Amino acid sequence: MRKQKGFSLIELLIVVGIIGALTAIAVPTYQALQEKSEVVAGIGTLKNLRSVIDSDIIDSKGFISDANLTANYGIDTEVKATPDATNKNAGKIETSKVNIFIAQYSRTNAGTWTCNYNATSFADPVGSCTKLSTLTIP
């Protein structure tokens, strides 16, 4: 009887099948975690921007606009600021990523901030933000 060198075809097929099954389980989980990290990063950016806006309001500059985001603070075009038309101390800031998520902070005249988001593949709360399915994902 000869001594076997290497693996048989059946053994190799079993290993390839196991690797395929593990990949089929891991990839969707990885994609969902990657999306959640995008949302958390976007919300973190907006949360930091809240401090800037509150400082501007205290300095009587009012709610920040898109033009001031870029000119004064170097914020890129992924963040949009929309002042309230009737109240200079209120408005909203939002960021989004196409086909993945939209996150939004809104400020009232009294200085209260609320956070909402909408994402394609998860519905977990993110910090103090709640999922709001009426927000349209770009």
N, C-alpha and C. Protein backbone atom coordinates (compact mmCIF):
# COMPACT_ATOMS: atom_id res chain seq x y z
N MET A 1 0.83 -1.17 0.00
CA MET A 1 0.00 0.00 0.00
C MET A 1 0.88 1.25 0.00
N ARG A 2 0.52 2.22 -0.90
CA ARG A 2 1.28 3.46 -0.99
C ARG A 2 0.86 4.43 0.09
N LYS A 3 1.83 5.23 0.53
CA LYS A 3 1.51 6.28 1.49
C LYS A 3 0.91 7.46 0.73
N GLN A 4 -0.22 7.98 1.23
CA GLN A 4 -0.94 9.07 0.55
C GLN A 4 -0.20 10.39 0.73
N LYS A 5 -0.03 11.13 -0.40
CA LYS A 5 0.58 12.45 -0.35
C LYS A 5 -0.50 13.45 -0.71
N GLY A 6 -0.78 14.43 0.18
CA GLY A 6 -1.78 15.45 -0.10
C GLY A 6 -3.17 15.05 0.36
N PHE A 7 -4.16 15.79 -0.16
CA PHE A 7 -5.54 15.60 0.24
C PHE A 7 -6.35 15.05 -0.92
N SER A 8 -7.40 14.34 -0.60
CA SER A 8 -8.27 13.83 -1.66
C SER A 8 -9.21 14.96 -2.12
N LEU A 9 -9.84 14.77 -3.25
CA LEU A 9 -10.75 15.75 -3.80
C LEU A 9 -11.94 15.99 -2.85
N ILE A 10 -12.43 14.95 -2.24
CA ILE A 10 -13.55 15.07 -1.30
C ILE A 10 -13.16 15.95 -0.12
N GLU A 11 -12.00 15.75 0.43
CA GLU A 11 -11.54 16.55 1.57
C GLU A 11 -11.44 18.03 1.19
N LEU A 12 -10.91 18.31 0.01
CA LEU A 12 -10.79 19.68 -0.45
C LEU A 12 -12.17 20.32 -0.66
N LEU A 13 -13.11 19.56 -1.21
CA LEU A 13 -14.45 20.09 -1.42
C LEU A 13 -15.15 20.40 -0.10
N ILE A 14 -14.94 19.57 0.90
CA ILE A 14 -15.54 19.82 2.22
C ILE A 14 -14.98 21.11 2.81
N VAL A 15 -13.68 21.31 2.71
CA VAL A 15 -13.05 22.53 3.24
C VAL A 15 -13.57 23.77 2.50
N VAL A 16 -13.66 23.69 1.18
CA VAL A 16 -14.18 24.81 0.40
C VAL A 16 -15.63 25.10 0.77
N GLY A 17 -16.44 24.08 1.00
CA GLY A 17 -17.83 24.27 1.42
C GLY A 17 -17.93 24.94 2.77
N ILE A 18 -17.09 24.55 3.71
CA ILE A 18 -17.09 25.16 5.04
C ILE A 18 -16.69 26.63 4.94
N ILE A 19 -15.68 26.93 4.17
CA ILE A 19 -15.25 28.32 4.00
C ILE A 19 -16.36 29.14 3.34
N GLY A 20 -17.03 28.58 2.36
CA GLY A 20 -18.15 29.27 1.71
C GLY A 20 -19.28 29.56 2.67
N ALA A 21 -19.61 28.60 3.52
CA ALA A 21 -20.69 28.79 4.49
C ALA A 21 -20.33 29.88 5.51
N LEU A 22 -19.10 29.87 5.98
CA LEU A 22 -18.66 30.90 6.92
C LEU A 22 -18.68 32.29 6.26
N THR A 23 -18.30 32.36 5.01
CA THR A 23 -18.31 33.63 4.28
C THR A 23 -19.74 34.13 4.11
N ALA A 24 -20.66 33.23 3.80
CA ALA A 24 -22.05 33.62 3.62
C ALA A 24 -22.66 34.17 4.90
N ILE A 25 -22.17 33.73 6.03
CA ILE A 25 -22.64 34.24 7.32
C ILE A 25 -21.95 35.55 7.67
N ALA A 26 -20.67 35.65 7.40
CA ALA A 26 -19.87 36.80 7.85
C ALA A 26 -20.09 38.06 7.02
N VAL A 27 -20.24 37.96 5.72
CA VAL A 27 -20.31 39.15 4.86
C VAL A 27 -21.50 40.05 5.19
N PRO A 28 -22.73 39.53 5.31
CA PRO A 28 -23.84 40.43 5.66
C PRO A 28 -23.66 41.10 7.02
N THR A 29 -23.11 40.39 7.98
CA THR A 29 -22.86 40.96 9.29
C THR A 29 -21.83 42.08 9.20
N TYR A 30 -20.79 41.85 8.44
CA TYR A 30 -19.75 42.87 8.24
C TYR A 30 -20.33 44.11 7.57
N GLN A 31 -21.16 43.93 6.56
CA GLN A 31 -21.75 45.07 5.85
C GLN A 31 -22.66 45.88 6.78
N ALA A 32 -23.43 45.21 7.61
CA ALA A 32 -24.30 45.92 8.55
C ALA A 32 -23.47 46.71 9.57
N LEU A 33 -22.39 46.12 10.06
CA LEU A 33 -21.53 46.82 11.01
C LEU A 33 -20.83 48.00 10.34
N GLN A 34 -20.45 47.83 9.10
CA GLN A 34 -19.81 48.92 8.36
C GLN A 34 -20.79 50.08 8.18
N GLU A 35 -22.04 49.77 7.87
CA GLU A 35 -23.05 50.81 7.72
C GLU A 35 -23.29 51.52 9.04
N LYS A 36 -23.38 50.76 10.11
CA LYS A 36 -23.61 51.38 11.42
C LYS A 36 -22.45 52.30 11.78
N SER A 37 -21.22 51.91 11.45
CA SER A 37 -20.08 52.78 11.74
C SER A 37 -20.15 54.08 10.94
N GLU A 38 -20.67 54.03 9.70
CA GLU A 38 -20.86 55.24 8.90
C GLU A 38 -21.86 56.16 9.58
N VAL A 39 -22.96 55.60 10.07
CA VAL A 39 -23.98 56.41 10.74
C VAL A 39 -23.41 57.03 12.02
N VAL A 40 -22.71 56.24 12.82
CA VAL A 40 -22.15 56.73 14.07
C VAL A 40 -21.13 57.84 13.80
N ALA A 41 -20.31 57.68 12.76
CA ALA A 41 -19.34 58.72 12.41
C ALA A 41 -20.05 60.01 11.97
N GLY A 42 -21.12 59.87 11.17
CA GLY A 42 -21.88 61.04 10.75
C GLY A 42 -22.52 61.75 11.91
N ILE A 43 -23.11 60.99 12.82
CA ILE A 43 -23.74 61.59 14.00
C ILE A 43 -22.68 62.26 14.88
N GLY A 44 -21.51 61.65 14.98
CA GLY A 44 -20.41 62.25 15.75
C GLY A 44 -19.98 63.59 15.18
N THR A 45 -19.91 63.67 13.86
CA THR A 45 -19.56 64.94 13.21
C THR A 45 -20.60 66.01 13.53
N LEU A 46 -21.87 65.63 13.43
CA LEU A 46 -22.93 66.59 13.72
C LEU A 46 -22.92 67.00 15.19
N LYS A 47 -22.64 66.05 16.07
CA LYS A 47 -22.63 66.35 17.50
C LYS A 47 -21.53 67.37 17.82
N ASN A 48 -20.36 67.23 17.17
CA ASN A 48 -19.29 68.20 17.37
C ASN A 48 -19.68 69.56 16.81
N LEU A 49 -20.38 69.57 15.71
CA LEU A 49 -20.81 70.81 15.09
C LEU A 49 -21.85 71.55 15.93
N ARG A 50 -22.59 70.83 16.75
CA ARG A 50 -23.56 71.47 17.64
C ARG A 50 -22.89 72.50 18.54
N SER A 51 -21.71 72.18 19.05
CA SER A 51 -20.98 73.10 19.93
C SER A 51 -20.63 74.39 19.20
N VAL A 52 -20.20 74.25 17.94
CA VAL A 52 -19.85 75.42 17.13
C VAL A 52 -21.09 76.30 16.92
N ILE A 53 -22.20 75.66 16.61
CA ILE A 53 -23.43 76.41 16.37
C ILE A 53 -23.89 77.11 17.65
N ASP A 54 -23.85 76.40 18.77
CA ASP A 54 -24.25 77.02 20.03
C ASP A 54 -23.35 78.21 20.36
N SER A 55 -22.05 78.10 20.09
CA SER A 55 -21.13 79.22 20.33
C SER A 55 -21.48 80.41 19.44
N ASP A 56 -21.78 80.14 18.17
CA ASP A 56 -22.16 81.23 17.26
C ASP A 56 -23.44 81.91 17.72
N ILE A 57 -24.38 81.13 18.22
CA ILE A 57 -25.64 81.72 18.70
C ILE A 57 -25.39 82.57 19.94
N ILE A 58 -24.54 82.09 20.83
CA ILE A 58 -24.19 82.88 22.03
C ILE A 58 -23.51 84.18 21.62
N ASP A 59 -22.69 84.14 20.56
CA ASP A 59 -22.01 85.34 20.06
C ASP A 59 -22.90 86.19 19.17
N SER A 60 -24.20 85.91 19.15
CA SER A 60 -25.22 86.66 18.38
C SER A 60 -25.02 86.58 16.88
N LYS A 61 -24.42 85.50 16.39
CA LYS A 61 -24.25 85.32 14.95
C LYS A 61 -25.43 84.56 14.35
N GLY A 62 -26.21 83.90 15.16
CA GLY A 62 -27.35 83.12 14.67
C GLY A 62 -26.91 81.73 14.20
N PHE A 63 -27.88 80.98 13.69
CA PHE A 63 -27.63 79.61 13.22
C PHE A 63 -26.75 79.66 11.97
N ILE A 64 -25.84 78.76 11.89
CA ILE A 64 -24.86 78.73 10.80
C ILE A 64 -25.51 78.36 9.47
N SER A 65 -24.94 78.81 8.37
CA SER A 65 -25.44 78.46 7.04
C SER A 65 -24.42 77.59 6.31
N ASP A 66 -24.83 77.00 5.18
CA ASP A 66 -23.91 76.17 4.40
C ASP A 66 -22.65 76.94 4.00
N ALA A 67 -22.82 78.20 3.59
CA ALA A 67 -21.67 79.00 3.15
C ALA A 67 -20.67 79.18 4.29
N ASN A 68 -21.16 79.42 5.51
CA ASN A 68 -20.26 79.59 6.65
C ASN A 68 -19.59 78.29 7.06
N LEU A 69 -20.26 77.16 6.85
CA LEU A 69 -19.65 75.87 7.17
C LEU A 69 -18.34 75.70 6.42
N THR A 70 -18.38 75.98 5.12
CA THR A 70 -17.19 75.80 4.29
C THR A 70 -16.18 76.92 4.53
N ALA A 71 -16.63 78.16 4.48
CA ALA A 71 -15.71 79.30 4.56
C ALA A 71 -15.04 79.43 5.93
N ASN A 72 -15.81 79.32 7.00
CA ASN A 72 -15.27 79.58 8.33
C ASN A 72 -14.74 78.35 9.06
N TYR A 73 -15.29 77.18 8.73
CA TYR A 73 -14.94 76.00 9.52
C TYR A 73 -14.35 74.86 8.69
N GLY A 74 -14.30 75.00 7.37
CA GLY A 74 -13.70 73.97 6.52
C GLY A 74 -14.49 72.68 6.47
N ILE A 75 -15.78 72.73 6.78
CA ILE A 75 -16.63 71.54 6.73
C ILE A 75 -16.95 71.24 5.28
N ASP A 76 -16.83 69.99 4.89
CA ASP A 76 -17.06 69.62 3.49
C ASP A 76 -18.54 69.61 3.13
N THR A 77 -18.82 69.30 1.88
CA THR A 77 -20.18 69.38 1.37
C THR A 77 -21.08 68.24 1.84
N GLU A 78 -20.56 67.27 2.58
CA GLU A 78 -21.40 66.18 3.08
C GLU A 78 -22.29 66.63 4.25
N VAL A 79 -22.00 67.80 4.80
CA VAL A 79 -22.80 68.34 5.90
C VAL A 79 -23.56 69.55 5.38
N LYS A 80 -24.86 69.57 5.65
CA LYS A 80 -25.69 70.69 5.24
C LYS A 80 -26.27 71.36 6.47
N ALA A 81 -26.27 72.69 6.46
CA ALA A 81 -26.87 73.47 7.54
C ALA A 81 -28.00 74.30 6.97
N THR A 82 -29.16 74.23 7.61
CA THR A 82 -30.33 74.98 7.14
C THR A 82 -30.90 75.79 8.30
N PRO A 83 -30.66 77.10 8.31
CA PRO A 83 -31.25 77.93 9.36
C PRO A 83 -32.77 78.01 9.20
N ASP A 84 -33.47 78.19 10.30
CA ASP A 84 -34.93 78.36 10.27
C ASP A 84 -35.24 79.72 9.63
N ALA A 85 -36.22 79.76 8.78
CA ALA A 85 -36.56 81.00 8.07
C ALA A 85 -37.12 82.08 8.99
N THR A 86 -37.76 81.68 10.08
CA THR A 86 -38.41 82.66 10.95
C THR A 86 -37.65 82.93 12.25
N ASN A 87 -36.71 82.08 12.60
CA ASN A 87 -36.01 82.24 13.87
C ASN A 87 -34.52 82.04 13.66
N LYS A 88 -33.71 83.05 13.91
CA LYS A 88 -32.28 82.96 13.60
C LYS A 88 -31.50 82.01 14.51
N ASN A 89 -32.08 81.59 15.62
CA ASN A 89 -31.39 80.69 16.54
C ASN A 89 -31.80 79.23 16.39
N ALA A 90 -32.63 78.94 15.39
CA ALA A 90 -33.10 77.57 15.19
C ALA A 90 -32.72 77.11 13.79
N GLY A 91 -32.71 75.80 13.60
CA GLY A 91 -32.40 75.25 12.29
C GLY A 91 -32.05 73.78 12.40
N LYS A 92 -31.47 73.24 11.32
CA LYS A 92 -31.08 71.83 11.35
C LYS A 92 -29.77 71.64 10.60
N ILE A 93 -29.04 70.63 11.02
CA ILE A 93 -27.83 70.20 10.33
C ILE A 93 -28.00 68.73 9.99
N GLU A 94 -27.50 68.34 8.83
CA GLU A 94 -27.64 66.93 8.44
C GLU A 94 -26.46 66.49 7.61
N THR A 95 -26.23 65.20 7.64
CA THR A 95 -25.22 64.59 6.81
C THR A 95 -25.80 63.29 6.28
N SER A 96 -25.29 62.84 5.14
CA SER A 96 -25.84 61.62 4.55
C SER A 96 -24.80 60.96 3.66
N LYS A 97 -25.06 59.72 3.33
CA LYS A 97 -24.25 58.98 2.38
C LYS A 97 -25.24 58.26 1.47
N VAL A 98 -25.04 58.39 0.17
CA VAL A 98 -25.99 57.86 -0.81
C VAL A 98 -26.25 56.38 -0.58
N ASN A 99 -27.52 56.01 -0.54
CA ASN A 99 -28.01 54.64 -0.39
C ASN A 99 -27.66 53.99 0.95
N ILE A 100 -27.16 54.76 1.90
CA ILE A 100 -26.79 54.16 3.19
C ILE A 100 -27.57 54.79 4.34
N PHE A 101 -27.45 56.12 4.53
CA PHE A 101 -28.09 56.72 5.70
C PHE A 101 -28.27 58.22 5.53
N ILE A 102 -29.06 58.78 6.42
CA ILE A 102 -29.16 60.22 6.62
C ILE A 102 -29.28 60.44 8.13
N ALA A 103 -28.56 61.43 8.65
CA ALA A 103 -28.63 61.77 10.07
C ALA A 103 -28.90 63.26 10.18
N GLN A 104 -29.68 63.64 11.18
CA GLN A 104 -30.11 65.03 11.29
C GLN A 104 -30.24 65.45 12.75
N TYR A 105 -29.68 66.62 13.07
CA TYR A 105 -29.90 67.27 14.36
C TYR A 105 -30.72 68.52 14.11
N SER A 106 -31.75 68.74 14.91
CA SER A 106 -32.57 69.94 14.80
C SER A 106 -32.48 70.71 16.11
N ARG A 107 -32.40 72.06 15.99
CA ARG A 107 -32.30 72.92 17.17
C ARG A 107 -33.52 73.84 17.23
N THR A 108 -34.13 73.89 18.40
CA THR A 108 -35.25 74.81 18.60
C THR A 108 -34.71 76.17 19.05
N ASN A 109 -35.57 77.16 19.08
CA ASN A 109 -35.17 78.49 19.54
C ASN A 109 -34.69 78.46 20.99
N ALA A 110 -35.25 77.55 21.78
CA ALA A 110 -34.87 77.45 23.20
C ALA A 110 -33.51 76.77 23.39
N GLY A 111 -32.93 76.23 22.31
CA GLY A 111 -31.62 75.60 22.41
C GLY A 111 -31.66 74.09 22.60
N THR A 112 -32.83 73.48 22.45
CA THR A 112 -32.97 72.03 22.60
C THR A 112 -32.63 71.35 21.28
N TRP A 113 -31.76 70.37 21.33
CA TRP A 113 -31.36 69.61 20.14
C TRP A 113 -32.05 68.25 20.13
N THR A 114 -32.52 67.82 18.97
CA THR A 114 -33.04 66.46 18.81
C THR A 114 -32.31 65.81 17.65
N CYS A 115 -32.08 64.52 17.78
CA CYS A 115 -31.32 63.79 16.76
C CYS A 115 -32.18 62.67 16.19
N ASN A 116 -32.21 62.57 14.87
CA ASN A 116 -32.90 61.50 14.17
C ASN A 116 -32.02 60.98 13.05
N TYR A 117 -32.26 59.74 12.66
CA TYR A 117 -31.53 59.17 11.53
C TYR A 117 -32.41 58.15 10.83
N ASN A 118 -32.01 57.79 9.63
CA ASN A 118 -32.64 56.69 8.91
C ASN A 118 -31.52 55.95 8.19
N ALA A 119 -31.53 54.62 8.28
CA ALA A 119 -30.50 53.81 7.63
C ALA A 119 -31.16 52.64 6.93
N THR A 120 -30.47 52.09 5.94
CA THR A 120 -31.08 51.05 5.13
C THR A 120 -31.13 49.69 5.81
N SER A 121 -30.13 49.34 6.63
CA SER A 121 -30.12 47.96 7.10
C SER A 121 -30.11 47.74 8.61
N PHE A 122 -30.35 48.77 9.40
CA PHE A 122 -30.50 48.51 10.83
C PHE A 122 -31.39 49.57 11.46
N ALA A 123 -31.94 49.24 12.61
CA ALA A 123 -32.88 50.13 13.27
C ALA A 123 -32.54 50.35 14.74
N ASP A 124 -31.33 50.00 15.14
CA ASP A 124 -30.93 50.16 16.53
C ASP A 124 -30.80 51.64 16.88
N PRO A 125 -31.09 52.04 18.12
CA PRO A 125 -30.81 53.41 18.53
C PRO A 125 -29.30 53.66 18.48
N VAL A 126 -28.92 54.86 18.09
CA VAL A 126 -27.50 55.24 18.04
C VAL A 126 -27.34 56.41 19.00
N GLY A 127 -26.78 56.15 20.18
CA GLY A 127 -26.66 57.20 21.18
C GLY A 127 -28.04 57.72 21.55
N SER A 128 -28.19 59.05 21.47
CA SER A 128 -29.48 59.66 21.79
C SER A 128 -30.35 59.83 20.54
N CYS A 129 -29.89 59.31 19.41
CA CYS A 129 -30.65 59.45 18.16
C CYS A 129 -31.65 58.31 18.01
N THR A 130 -32.78 58.64 17.43
CA THR A 130 -33.79 57.63 17.17
C THR A 130 -34.01 57.50 15.67
N LYS A 131 -34.41 56.32 15.26
CA LYS A 131 -34.68 56.09 13.84
C LYS A 131 -36.00 56.74 13.47
N LEU A 132 -35.96 57.48 12.38
CA LEU A 132 -37.15 58.18 11.88
C LEU A 132 -37.29 57.83 10.40
N SER A 133 -38.20 56.91 10.10
CA SER A 133 -38.29 56.40 8.75
C SER A 133 -38.84 57.41 7.75
N THR A 134 -39.33 58.56 8.22
CA THR A 134 -39.79 59.59 7.28
C THR A 134 -38.63 60.38 6.68
N LEU A 135 -37.44 60.29 7.26
CA LEU A 135 -36.27 60.91 6.64
C LEU A 135 -35.93 60.13 5.38
N THR A 136 -35.74 60.81 4.27
CA THR A 136 -35.48 60.16 2.99
C THR A 136 -33.98 59.98 2.79
N ILE A 137 -33.56 58.75 2.60
CA ILE A 137 -32.16 58.45 2.34
C ILE A 137 -31.84 58.83 0.90
N PRO A 138 -30.80 59.64 0.69
CA PRO A 138 -30.50 60.06 -0.69
C PRO A 138 -30.00 58.90 -1.56
